[in-house]
Amino acid sequence: MMSRRDKRALGIAGIAVGLFLVLDLGVFPLWDSMQAEREGLEVREQTFLKFREAVESRAQREAEKSLLEGQLREAERGLLPGETPALASAELRARVQQLAADHGMEVVSSRFLPERPLGEDYLQVPLGIQLKGRIDALVRFLEASESGRTTLRVVQMNIEGGRDEEKILSVNLTVAGILPRQRGGVMESGGAQ
């Protein structure tokens, strides 16, 4: 028979085993899952913040894209007209001749030069031209060529003369305009004549 002390010890041991089982099988797993849930909350919060930043930056990029597309459309208003590089070259020559006449320069000669790729979307259409006139007329011509409705750029310039009484200069220029490479859905190829 067991003594009272042994029964008490056995009861305490039973309570300890029961408490151990409750803690080991109930409380500790619950505690661990709560800790994991708490850590998962931090991860989810970080994920949420990253998604929110991505959405905000996307909206900002779309606004920037719209602004840049508007600026591109505005810049493209200065492109050469014409369906082909040859037609654009002819238009360029007509505009340069008109500018020269408007600003007191005489066109001595002009020559079409082959177009060159300017990135993937555009072609540079150059025109070689020889002018004669006074330096003040040349300055007005150059200012007008870069500030007109069509964007023109002087790519190369060689000035000679100014030795006679009237100080008439002989000027060899290469003036270029820009043409979109794609017109009407068809990619252009070949050189200007």
C-alpha atoms as a PDB file:
ATOM      1  CA  MET A   1       0.000   0.000   0.000  1.00  0.00           C
ATOM      2  CA  MET A   2       1.004   3.411  -0.665  1.00  0.00           C
ATOM      3  CA  SER A   3       1.610   5.870   1.925  1.00  0.00           C
ATOM      4  CA  ARG A   4      -0.003   9.200   1.964  1.00  0.00           C
ATOM      5  CA  ARG A   5       3.251  10.802   1.018  1.00  0.00           C
ATOM      6  CA  ASP A   6       3.636   8.516  -2.001  1.00  0.00           C
ATOM      7  CA  LYS A   7       0.049   9.267  -3.083  1.00  0.00           C
ATOM      8  CA  ARG A   8       0.733  12.939  -2.768  1.00  0.00           C
ATOM      9  CA  ALA A   9       3.962  12.611  -4.767  1.00  0.00           C
ATOM     10  CA  LEU A  10       2.155  10.557  -7.378  1.00  0.00           C
ATOM     11  CA  GLY A  11      -0.630  13.178  -7.564  1.00  0.00           C
ATOM     12  CA  ILE A  12       1.889  15.984  -7.946  1.00  0.00           C
ATOM     13  CA  ALA A  13       3.712  13.957 -10.633  1.00  0.00           C
ATOM     14  CA  GLY A  14       0.373  13.370 -12.430  1.00  0.00           C
ATOM     15  CA  ILE A  15      -0.434  17.064 -12.268  1.00  0.00           C
ATOM     16  CA  ALA A  16       3.078  17.872 -13.537  1.00  0.00           C
ATOM     17  CA  VAL A  17       2.700  15.388 -16.427  1.00  0.00           C
ATOM     18  CA  GLY A  18      -0.758  16.811 -17.231  1.00  0.00           C
ATOM     19  CA  LEU A  19       0.566  20.367 -17.068  1.00  0.00           C
ATOM     20  CA  PHE A  20       3.514  19.367 -19.256  1.00  0.00           C
ATOM     21  CA  LEU A  21       1.186  17.799 -21.834  1.00  0.00           C
ATOM     22  CA  VAL A  22      -1.117  20.837 -21.841  1.00  0.00           C
ATOM     23  CA  LEU A  23       1.860  23.160 -22.284  1.00  0.00           C
ATOM     24  CA  ASP A  24       3.666  20.966 -24.832  1.00  0.00           C
ATOM     25  CA  LEU A  25       0.640  20.051 -26.934  1.00  0.00           C
ATOM     26  CA  GLY A  26      -1.531  23.130 -26.470  1.00  0.00           C
ATOM     27  CA  VAL A  27       0.059  26.311 -25.191  1.00  0.00           C
ATOM     28  CA  PHE A  28       3.505  26.110 -26.836  1.00  0.00           C
ATOM     29  CA  PRO A  29       2.194  25.300 -30.349  1.00  0.00           C
ATOM     30  CA  LEU A  30      -0.360  28.074 -29.970  1.00  0.00           C
ATOM     31  CA  TRP A  31       2.381  30.448 -28.808  1.00  0.00           C
ATOM     32  CA  ASP A  32       4.636  29.415 -31.736  1.00  0.00           C
ATOM     33  CA  SER A  33       1.824  29.932 -34.238  1.00  0.00           C
ATOM     34  CA  MET A  34       1.121  33.369 -32.752  1.00  0.00           C
ATOM     35  CA  GLN A  35       4.810  34.271 -33.070  1.00  0.00           C
ATOM     36  CA  ALA A  36       4.892  33.012 -36.650  1.00  0.00           C
ATOM     37  CA  GLU A  37       1.718  34.966 -37.357  1.00  0.00           C
ATOM     38  CA  ARG A  38       3.295  38.092 -35.854  1.00  0.00           C
ATOM     39  CA  GLU A  39       6.430  37.622 -37.995  1.00  0.00           C
ATOM     40  CA  GLY A  40       4.247  36.916 -41.038  1.00  0.00           C
ATOM     41  CA  LEU A  41       2.401  40.165 -40.346  1.00  0.00           C
ATOM     42  CA  GLU A  42       5.660  42.097 -40.664  1.00  0.00           C
ATOM     43  CA  VAL A  43       6.417  40.329 -43.951  1.00  0.00           C
ATOM     44  CA  ARG A  44       2.898  41.011 -45.221  1.00  0.00           C
ATOM     45  CA  GLU A  45       3.176  44.634 -44.126  1.00  0.00           C
ATOM     46  CA  GLN A  46       6.462  45.008 -46.053  1.00  0.00           C
ATOM     47  CA  THR A  47       4.895  43.317 -49.077  1.00  0.00           C
ATOM     48  CA  PHE A  48       1.909  45.629 -48.854  1.00  0.00           C
ATOM     49  CA  LEU A  49       4.175  48.687 -48.709  1.00  0.00           C
ATOM     50  CA  LYS A  50       6.184  47.499 -51.710  1.00  0.00           C
ATOM     51  CA  PHE A  51       3.022  46.945 -53.755  1.00  0.00           C
ATOM     52  CA  ARG A  52       1.723  50.360 -52.738  1.00  0.00           C
ATOM     53  CA  GLU A  53       5.007  52.011 -53.783  1.00  0.00           C
ATOM     54  CA  ALA A  54       4.916  50.115 -57.097  1.00  0.00           C
ATOM     55  CA  VAL A  55       1.378  51.310 -57.793  1.00  0.00           C
ATOM     56  CA  GLU A  56       2.289  54.899 -56.917  1.00  0.00           C
ATOM     57  CA  SER A  57       5.435  54.807 -59.061  1.00  0.00           C
ATOM     58  CA  ARG A  58       3.453  53.297 -61.951  1.00  0.00           C
ATOM     59  CA  ALA A  59       1.007  56.186 -61.808  1.00  0.00           C
ATOM     60  CA  GLN A  60       3.935  58.600 -61.744  1.00  0.00           C
ATOM     61  CA  ARG A  61       5.598  56.835 -64.710  1.00  0.00           C
ATOM     62  CA  GLU A  62       2.338  56.983 -66.667  1.00  0.00           C
ATOM     63  CA  ALA A  63       2.062  60.718 -65.972  1.00  0.00           C
ATOM     64  CA  GLU A  64       5.690  61.182 -67.076  1.00  0.00           C
ATOM     65  CA  LYS A  65       4.996  59.072 -70.173  1.00  0.00           C
ATOM     66  CA  SER A  66       2.038  61.278 -71.091  1.00  0.00           C
ATOM     67  CA  LEU A  67       4.139  64.404 -70.622  1.00  0.00           C
ATOM     68  CA  LEU A  68       6.990  62.987 -72.715  1.00  0.00           C
ATOM     69  CA  GLU A  69       4.601  61.856 -75.464  1.00  0.00           C
ATOM     70  CA  GLY A  70       3.217  65.403 -75.613  1.00  0.00           C
ATOM     71  CA  GLN A  71       6.720  66.838 -75.838  1.00  0.00           C
ATOM     72  CA  LEU A  72       7.567  64.330 -78.591  1.00  0.00           C
ATOM     73  CA  ARG A  73       4.459  65.303 -80.591  1.00  0.00           C
ATOM     74  CA  GLU A  74       5.420  68.968 -80.215  1.00  0.00           C
ATOM     75  CA  ALA A  75       9.003  68.301 -81.349  1.00  0.00           C
ATOM     76  CA  GLU A  76       7.818  66.189 -84.286  1.00  0.00           C
ATOM     77  CA  ARG A  77       5.924  69.170 -85.672  1.00  0.00           C
ATOM     78  CA  GLY A  78       9.328  70.366 -86.885  1.00  0.00           C
ATOM     79  CA  LEU A  79      10.036  67.224 -88.928  1.00  0.00           C
ATOM     80  CA  LEU A  80      10.370  67.354 -92.678  1.00  0.00           C
ATOM     81  CA  PRO A  81       7.233  66.607 -94.669  1.00  0.00           C
ATOM     82  CA  GLY A  82       7.347  64.006 -97.402  1.00  0.00           C
ATOM     83  CA  GLU A  83       6.538  60.363 -97.801  1.00  0.00           C
ATOM     84  CA  THR A  84      10.050  59.369 -98.886  1.00  0.00           C
ATOM     85  CA  PRO A  85      13.559  60.668 -98.249  1.00  0.00           C
ATOM     86  CA  ALA A  86      13.680  61.931-101.862  1.00  0.00           C
ATOM     87  CA  LEU A  87      10.511  64.004-101.401  1.00  0.00           C
ATOM     88  CA  ALA A  88      11.775  65.267 -98.037  1.00  0.00           C
ATOM     89  CA  SER A  89      15.080  66.290 -99.683  1.00  0.00           C
ATOM     90  CA  ALA A  90      13.190  68.243-102.341  1.00  0.00           C
ATOM     91  CA  GLU A  91      11.125  69.972 -99.644  1.00  0.00           C
ATOM     92  CA  LEU A  92      14.298  70.742 -97.682  1.00  0.00           C
ATOM     93  CA  ARG A  93      15.893  72.306-100.763  1.00  0.00           C
ATOM     94  CA  ALA A  94      12.812  74.449-101.429  1.00  0.00           C
ATOM     95  CA  ARG A  95      12.742  75.677 -97.820  1.00  0.00           C
ATOM     96  CA  VAL A  96      16.470  76.448 -97.752  1.00  0.00           C
ATOM     97  CA  GLN A  97      16.205  78.336-101.070  1.00  0.00           C
ATOM     98  CA  GLN A  98      13.257  80.339 -99.712  1.00  0.00           C
ATOM     99  CA  LEU A  99      15.093  81.117 -96.460  1.00  0.00           C
ATOM    100  CA  ALA A 100      18.164  82.231 -98.411  1.00  0.00           C
ATOM    101  CA  ALA A 101      16.093  84.492-100.654  1.00  0.00           C
ATOM    102  CA  ASP A 102      14.191  85.937 -97.666  1.00  0.00           C
ATOM    103  CA  HIS A 103      17.463  86.877 -95.935  1.00  0.00           C
ATOM    104  CA  GLY A 104      19.467  88.235 -98.847  1.00  0.00           C
ATOM    105  CA  MET A 105      21.597  85.188 -99.676  1.00  0.00           C
ATOM    106  CA  GLU A 106      22.060  83.902-103.230  1.00  0.00           C
ATOM    107  CA  VAL A 107      21.886  80.135-103.778  1.00  0.00           C
ATOM    108  CA  VAL A 108      24.743  79.226-106.117  1.00  0.00           C
ATOM    109  CA  SER A 109      24.220  75.452-106.090  1.00  0.00           C
ATOM    110  CA  SER A 110      22.692  72.632-104.113  1.00  0.00           C
ATOM    111  CA  ARG A 111      23.205  68.889-104.056  1.00  0.00           C
ATOM    112  CA  PHE A 112      21.207  66.101-102.506  1.00  0.00           C
ATOM    113  CA  LEU A 113      23.126  63.923-100.075  1.00  0.00           C
ATOM    114  CA  PRO A 114      22.200  60.410 -98.944  1.00  0.00           C
ATOM    115  CA  GLU A 115      20.063  60.185 -95.852  1.00  0.00           C
ATOM    116  CA  ARG A 116      21.510  58.663 -92.706  1.00  0.00           C
ATOM    117  CA  PRO A 117      19.807  56.701 -89.943  1.00  0.00           C
ATOM    118  CA  LEU A 118      19.183  58.718 -86.825  1.00  0.00           C
ATOM    119  CA  GLY A 119      18.348  56.073 -84.261  1.00  0.00           C
ATOM    120  CA  GLU A 120      15.740  53.488 -85.146  1.00  0.00           C
ATOM    121  CA  ASP A 121      12.828  55.836 -85.829  1.00  0.00           C
ATOM    122  CA  TYR A 122      14.236  58.727 -87.839  1.00  0.00           C
ATOM    123  CA  LEU A 123      16.405  59.614 -90.817  1.00  0.00           C
ATOM    124  CA  GLN A 124      18.657  62.626 -91.126  1.00  0.00           C
ATOM    125  CA  VAL A 125      18.128  64.148 -94.576  1.00  0.00           C
ATOM    126  CA  PRO A 126      21.119  66.374 -95.479  1.00  0.00           C
ATOM    127  CA  LEU A 127      21.453  68.893 -98.291  1.00  0.00           C
ATOM    128  CA  GLY A 128      24.714  70.409 -99.515  1.00  0.00           C
ATOM    129  CA  ILE A 129      24.295  74.036-100.529  1.00  0.00           C
ATOM    130  CA  GLN A 130      26.574  76.857-101.673  1.00  0.00           C
ATOM    131  CA  LEU A 131      25.483  80.408-100.842  1.00  0.00           C
ATOM    132  CA  LYS A 132      26.839  83.892-101.554  1.00  0.00           C
ATOM    133  CA  GLY A 133      26.055  86.995 -99.566  1.00  0.00           C
ATOM    134  CA  ARG A 134      27.106  89.418 -96.886  1.00  0.00           C
ATOM    135  CA  ILE A 135      27.898  88.277 -93.357  1.00  0.00           C
ATOM    136  CA  ASP A 136      24.829  90.003 -91.866  1.00  0.00           C
ATOM    137  CA  ALA A 137      22.602  88.146 -94.353  1.00  0.00           C
ATOM    138  CA  LEU A 138      24.351  84.873 -93.475  1.00  0.00           C
ATOM    139  CA  VAL A 139      23.728  85.450 -89.763  1.00  0.00           C
ATOM    140  CA  ARG A 140      20.015  86.142 -90.401  1.00  0.00           C
ATOM    141  CA  PHE A 141      19.800  83.050 -92.626  1.00  0.00           C
ATOM    142  CA  LEU A 142      21.402  80.834 -89.950  1.00  0.00           C
ATOM    143  CA  GLU A 143      19.141  82.200 -87.212  1.00  0.00           C
ATOM    144  CA  ALA A 144      16.036  81.682 -89.352  1.00  0.00           C
ATOM    145  CA  SER A 145      17.044  78.148 -90.352  1.00  0.00           C
ATOM    146  CA  GLU A 146      17.257  77.039 -86.720  1.00  0.00           C
ATOM    147  CA  SER A 147      14.166  78.866 -85.479  1.00  0.00           C
ATOM    148  CA  GLY A 148      11.690  78.136 -88.275  1.00  0.00           C
ATOM    149  CA  ARG A 149       8.687  75.838 -88.196  1.00  0.00           C
ATOM    150  CA  THR A 150      10.832  72.994 -89.591  1.00  0.00           C
ATOM    151  CA  THR A 151      13.735  71.933 -87.451  1.00  0.00           C
ATOM    152  CA  LEU A 152      16.876  72.403 -89.532  1.00  0.00           C
ATOM    153  CA  ARG A 153      20.422  72.027 -88.362  1.00  0.00           C
ATOM    154  CA  VAL A 154      23.663  73.208 -89.931  1.00  0.00           C
ATOM    155  CA  VAL A 155      25.815  70.086 -89.848  1.00  0.00           C
ATOM    156  CA  GLN A 156      28.868  71.504 -91.597  1.00  0.00           C
ATOM    157  CA  MET A 157      29.894  74.999 -92.716  1.00  0.00           C
ATOM    158  CA  ASN A 158      32.876  76.412 -94.596  1.00  0.00           C
ATOM    159  CA  ILE A 159      33.144  80.176 -95.195  1.00  0.00           C
ATOM    160  CA  GLU A 160      35.462  81.777 -97.738  1.00  0.00           C
ATOM    161  CA  GLY A 161      35.848  85.213 -99.250  1.00  0.00           C
ATOM    162  CA  GLY A 162      35.076  88.650 -98.046  1.00  0.00           C
ATOM    163  CA  ARG A 163      38.057  90.075 -99.984  1.00  0.00           C
ATOM    164  CA  ASP A 164      36.138  92.271-102.411  1.00  0.00           C
ATOM    165  CA  GLU A 165      34.749  95.736-101.648  1.00  0.00           C
ATOM    166  CA  GLU A 166      31.301  94.459-100.715  1.00  0.00           C
ATOM    167  CA  LYS A 167      32.722  91.712 -98.446  1.00  0.00           C
ATOM    168  CA  ILE A 168      30.668  89.014-100.172  1.00  0.00           C
ATOM    169  CA  LEU A 169      31.183  85.579 -98.615  1.00  0.00           C
ATOM    170  CA  SER A 170      31.052  82.210-100.316  1.00  0.00           C
ATOM    171  CA  VAL A 171      29.533  79.702 -97.900  1.00  0.00           C
ATOM    172  CA  ASN A 172      29.387  75.927 -98.305  1.00  0.00           C
ATOM    173  CA  LEU A 173      26.840  74.416 -95.925  1.00  0.00           C
ATOM    174  CA  THR A 174      25.399  71.052 -95.163  1.00  0.00           C
ATOM    175  CA  VAL A 175      21.915  71.595 -93.757  1.00  0.00           C
ATOM    176  CA  ALA A 176      19.919  68.647 -92.434  1.00  0.00           C
ATOM    177  CA  GLY A 177      16.346  68.004 -91.460  1.00  0.00           C
ATOM    178  CA  ILE A 178      14.774  64.981 -89.814  1.00  0.00           C
ATOM    179  CA  LEU A 179      12.248  62.623 -91.370  1.00  0.00           C
ATOM    180  CA  PRO A 180      10.340  59.865 -89.570  1.00  0.00           C
ATOM    181  CA  ARG A 181      11.568  56.542 -90.881  1.00  0.00           C
ATOM    182  CA  GLN A 182       8.083  55.066 -90.949  1.00  0.00           C
ATOM    183  CA  ARG A 183       5.348  56.699 -93.021  1.00  0.00           C
ATOM    184  CA  GLY A 184       1.957  55.086 -93.493  1.00  0.00           C
ATOM    185  CA  GLY A 185       3.063  51.827 -91.839  1.00  0.00           C
ATOM    186  CA  VAL A 186       5.799  51.152 -94.430  1.00  0.00           C
ATOM    187  CA  MET A 187       9.477  51.301 -93.525  1.00  0.00           C
ATOM    188  CA  GLU A 188      11.428  53.559 -95.867  1.00  0.00           C
ATOM    189  CA  SER A 189      14.685  52.475 -97.423  1.00  0.00           C
ATOM    190  CA  GLY A 190      17.042  53.707-100.101  1.00  0.00           C
ATOM    191  CA  GLY A 191      18.827  56.992-100.546  1.00  0.00           C
ATOM    192  CA  ALA A 192      17.724  60.407-101.698  1.00  0.00           C
ATOM    193  CA  GLN A 193      18.446  61.243-105.334  1.00  0.00           C
END
